[in-house]
């Protein structure tokens, strides 16, 4: 059975985490070989995941030009 674009979206994270069984992975990659829009979507998804991980990294340092009032407002809003 051939994978559809909708199927591909459902399996994106498992694919990126290399958790798809071989048969599903092959079907996923076969679909990518025939569907440039899904390749573009996968690339965008990969970039989004990487950016999300970068934001949540252990490095809590801020640039020196970030106003302390802004930092406090953000922290206050997060607590609500």
N, C-alpha and C. Protein backbone atom coordinates (compact mmCIF):
# COMPACT_ATOMS: atom_id res chain seq x y z
N UNK A 1 0.85 -1.18 0.00
CA UNK A 1 0.00 0.00 0.00
C UNK A 1 0.89 1.24 0.00
N UNK A 2 0.56 2.16 -0.84
CA UNK A 2 1.34 3.38 -0.99
C UNK A 2 0.96 4.40 0.08
N UNK A 3 1.92 5.12 0.57
CA UNK A 3 1.70 6.13 1.60
C UNK A 3 1.20 7.42 0.94
N UNK A 4 0.24 8.07 1.58
CA UNK A 4 -0.29 9.35 1.10
C UNK A 4 0.41 10.49 1.84
N UNK A 5 0.18 11.70 1.37
CA UNK A 5 0.74 12.88 2.06
C UNK A 5 0.25 12.94 3.50
N UNK A 6 -1.02 12.66 3.71
CA UNK A 6 -1.58 12.68 5.07
C UNK A 6 -0.91 11.63 5.95
N UNK A 7 -0.68 10.44 5.40
CA UNK A 7 0.01 9.39 6.15
C UNK A 7 1.41 9.86 6.54
N UNK A 8 2.09 10.50 5.60
CA UNK A 8 3.45 10.96 5.84
C UNK A 8 3.49 11.90 7.04
N UNK A 9 2.55 12.83 7.11
CA UNK A 9 2.51 13.78 8.22
C UNK A 9 2.33 13.05 9.55
N UNK A 10 1.52 12.00 9.55
CA UNK A 10 1.28 11.25 10.79
C UNK A 10 2.54 10.55 11.30
N UNK A 11 3.49 10.25 10.41
CA UNK A 11 4.68 9.50 10.78
C UNK A 11 5.95 10.33 10.84
N UNK A 12 5.85 11.65 10.68
CA UNK A 12 7.05 12.49 10.61
C UNK A 12 7.98 12.34 11.80
N UNK A 13 7.46 12.46 13.00
CA UNK A 13 8.32 12.43 14.18
C UNK A 13 8.96 11.06 14.34
N UNK A 14 8.19 10.01 14.12
CA UNK A 14 8.74 8.66 14.22
C UNK A 14 9.83 8.46 13.17
N UNK A 15 9.64 9.02 11.98
CA UNK A 15 10.66 8.92 10.94
C UNK A 15 11.93 9.63 11.37
N UNK A 16 11.80 10.85 11.85
CA UNK A 16 12.97 11.62 12.27
C UNK A 16 13.67 10.98 13.46
N UNK A 17 12.92 10.33 14.33
CA UNK A 17 13.51 9.64 15.49
C UNK A 17 13.99 8.23 15.13
N UNK A 18 13.87 7.87 13.86
CA UNK A 18 14.29 6.56 13.35
C UNK A 18 13.59 5.42 14.10
N UNK A 19 12.29 5.61 14.34
CA UNK A 19 11.49 4.62 15.06
C UNK A 19 10.50 3.88 14.17
N UNK A 20 10.48 4.19 12.88
CA UNK A 20 9.55 3.50 11.98
C UNK A 20 10.06 2.10 11.66
N UNK A 21 9.16 1.12 11.65
CA UNK A 21 9.56 -0.22 11.18
C UNK A 21 10.03 -0.12 9.73
N UNK A 22 10.86 -1.05 9.32
CA UNK A 22 11.49 -1.00 8.00
C UNK A 22 10.48 -0.84 6.87
N UNK A 23 9.37 -1.56 6.91
CA UNK A 23 8.38 -1.50 5.83
C UNK A 23 7.77 -0.10 5.74
N UNK A 24 7.42 0.50 6.90
CA UNK A 24 6.85 1.85 6.90
C UNK A 24 7.90 2.87 6.46
N UNK A 25 9.13 2.69 6.90
CA UNK A 25 10.21 3.60 6.51
C UNK A 25 10.41 3.57 5.00
N UNK A 26 10.39 2.38 4.42
CA UNK A 26 10.55 2.25 2.97
C UNK A 26 9.40 2.94 2.24
N UNK A 27 8.18 2.76 2.72
CA UNK A 27 7.01 3.40 2.12
C UNK A 27 7.11 4.92 2.25
N UNK A 28 7.56 5.38 3.41
CA UNK A 28 7.74 6.80 3.69
C UNK A 28 8.74 7.39 2.69
N UNK A 29 9.87 6.73 2.55
CA UNK A 29 10.92 7.23 1.66
C UNK A 29 10.53 7.11 0.19
N UNK A 30 9.74 6.10 -0.15
CA UNK A 30 9.22 5.98 -1.51
C UNK A 30 8.33 7.19 -1.83
N UNK A 31 7.46 7.53 -0.89
CA UNK A 31 6.59 8.69 -1.08
C UNK A 31 7.42 9.96 -1.25
N UNK A 32 8.44 10.13 -0.41
CA UNK A 32 9.30 11.31 -0.53
C UNK A 32 9.95 11.39 -1.91
N UNK A 33 10.28 10.25 -2.49
CA UNK A 33 10.90 10.21 -3.81
C UNK A 33 9.98 10.68 -4.92
N UNK A 34 8.68 10.69 -4.65
CA UNK A 34 7.71 11.07 -5.68
C UNK A 34 6.97 12.37 -5.36
N UNK A 35 7.23 12.97 -4.21
CA UNK A 35 6.40 14.10 -3.77
C UNK A 35 7.25 15.27 -3.27
N UNK A 36 7.68 16.16 -4.16
CA UNK A 36 8.49 17.31 -3.73
C UNK A 36 7.83 18.16 -2.62
N UNK A 37 6.50 18.35 -2.62
CA UNK A 37 5.91 19.13 -1.51
C UNK A 37 6.15 18.47 -0.14
N UNK A 38 6.11 17.15 -0.08
CA UNK A 38 6.36 16.47 1.19
C UNK A 38 7.83 16.56 1.58
N UNK A 39 8.73 16.57 0.62
CA UNK A 39 10.15 16.76 0.91
C UNK A 39 10.36 18.14 1.52
N UNK A 40 9.71 19.15 0.93
CA UNK A 40 9.81 20.51 1.47
C UNK A 40 9.22 20.58 2.88
N UNK A 41 8.09 19.90 3.09
CA UNK A 41 7.46 19.88 4.41
C UNK A 41 8.37 19.20 5.43
N UNK A 42 8.98 18.09 5.04
CA UNK A 42 9.90 17.38 5.93
C UNK A 42 11.08 18.27 6.29
N UNK A 43 11.64 18.97 5.32
CA UNK A 43 12.77 19.87 5.58
C UNK A 43 12.38 20.97 6.56
N UNK A 44 11.20 21.54 6.36
CA UNK A 44 10.71 22.59 7.26
C UNK A 44 10.47 22.03 8.66
N UNK A 45 9.93 20.83 8.73
CA UNK A 45 9.67 20.17 10.02
C UNK A 45 10.98 19.92 10.76
N UNK A 46 11.99 19.42 10.02
CA UNK A 46 13.31 19.19 10.63
C UNK A 46 13.87 20.49 11.21
N UNK A 47 13.76 21.56 10.45
CA UNK A 47 14.28 22.85 10.90
C UNK A 47 13.53 23.34 12.14
N UNK A 48 12.21 23.15 12.15
CA UNK A 48 11.41 23.55 13.30
C UNK A 48 11.81 22.77 14.55
N UNK A 49 12.01 21.47 14.42
CA UNK A 49 12.44 20.65 15.55
C UNK A 49 13.80 21.12 16.05
N UNK A 50 14.72 21.38 15.13
CA UNK A 50 16.06 21.83 15.53
C UNK A 50 16.00 23.17 16.25
N UNK A 51 15.18 24.09 15.75
CA UNK A 51 15.04 25.39 16.41
C UNK A 51 14.41 25.24 17.79
N UNK A 52 13.41 24.38 17.90
CA UNK A 52 12.78 24.14 19.19
C UNK A 52 13.76 23.57 20.20
N UNK A 53 14.60 22.65 19.75
CA UNK A 53 15.60 22.09 20.65
C UNK A 53 16.63 23.14 21.05
N UNK A 54 16.99 24.01 20.12
CA UNK A 54 17.96 25.07 20.43
C UNK A 54 17.41 26.03 21.46
N UNK A 55 16.14 26.34 21.37
CA UNK A 55 15.52 27.25 22.33
C UNK A 55 15.48 26.64 23.72
N UNK A 56 15.30 25.36 23.78
CA UNK A 56 15.19 24.66 25.06
C UNK A 56 16.53 24.13 25.57
N UNK A 57 17.60 24.58 24.98
CA UNK A 57 18.91 24.08 25.39
C UNK A 57 19.28 24.58 26.78
N UNK A 58 20.31 24.02 27.31
CA UNK A 58 20.78 24.35 28.66
C UNK A 58 21.35 25.76 28.75
N UNK A 59 21.74 26.35 27.64
CA UNK A 59 22.36 27.67 27.64
C UNK A 59 21.29 28.74 27.91
N UNK A 60 21.26 29.26 29.12
CA UNK A 60 20.26 30.25 29.50
C UNK A 60 20.76 31.68 29.37
N UNK A 61 21.90 31.87 28.75
CA UNK A 61 22.45 33.22 28.64
C UNK A 61 21.67 34.03 27.61
N UNK A 62 21.56 35.31 27.90
CA UNK A 62 20.89 36.26 27.01
C UNK A 62 21.89 37.26 26.50
N UNK A 63 21.62 37.82 25.32
CA UNK A 63 22.48 38.91 24.86
C UNK A 63 22.43 40.07 25.85
N UNK A 64 23.50 40.81 25.93
CA UNK A 64 23.59 41.92 26.89
C UNK A 64 22.58 43.03 26.64
N UNK A 65 22.08 43.15 25.41
CA UNK A 65 21.18 44.26 25.10
C UNK A 65 19.70 43.97 25.36
N UNK A 66 19.38 42.82 25.98
CA UNK A 66 17.99 42.51 26.31
C UNK A 66 17.65 43.21 27.63
N UNK A 67 16.63 44.09 27.58
CA UNK A 67 16.27 44.84 28.80
C UNK A 67 15.75 43.91 29.91
N UNK A 68 16.18 44.16 31.12
CA UNK A 68 15.76 43.34 32.27
C UNK A 68 14.24 43.39 32.44
N UNK A 69 13.62 44.53 32.16
CA UNK A 69 12.16 44.65 32.29
C UNK A 69 11.46 43.67 31.35
N UNK A 70 12.00 43.49 30.16
CA UNK A 70 11.42 42.54 29.21
C UNK A 70 11.56 41.11 29.73
N UNK A 71 12.70 40.78 30.25
CA UNK A 71 12.93 39.44 30.81
C UNK A 71 11.93 39.18 31.94
N UNK A 72 11.77 40.13 32.83
CA UNK A 72 10.85 39.96 33.95
C UNK A 72 9.40 39.83 33.48
N UNK A 73 9.02 40.60 32.46
CA UNK A 73 7.64 40.52 31.93
C UNK A 73 7.39 39.15 31.33
N UNK A 74 8.34 38.60 30.64
CA UNK A 74 8.20 37.27 30.04
C UNK A 74 8.09 36.21 31.14
N UNK A 75 8.96 36.30 32.13
CA UNK A 75 8.91 35.33 33.23
C UNK A 75 7.59 35.41 33.98
N UNK A 76 7.10 36.60 34.20
CA UNK A 76 5.82 36.79 34.89
C UNK A 76 4.68 36.17 34.06
N UNK A 77 4.70 36.41 32.75
CA UNK A 77 3.65 35.87 31.87
C UNK A 77 3.71 34.35 31.84
N UNK A 78 4.88 33.78 31.89
CA UNK A 78 5.03 32.31 31.87
C UNK A 78 4.47 31.67 33.14
N UNK A 79 4.51 32.38 34.25
CA UNK A 79 4.04 31.84 35.53
C UNK A 79 2.52 31.79 35.58
N UNK A 80 1.86 32.59 34.78
CA UNK A 80 0.37 32.67 34.83
C UNK A 80 -0.28 31.50 34.20
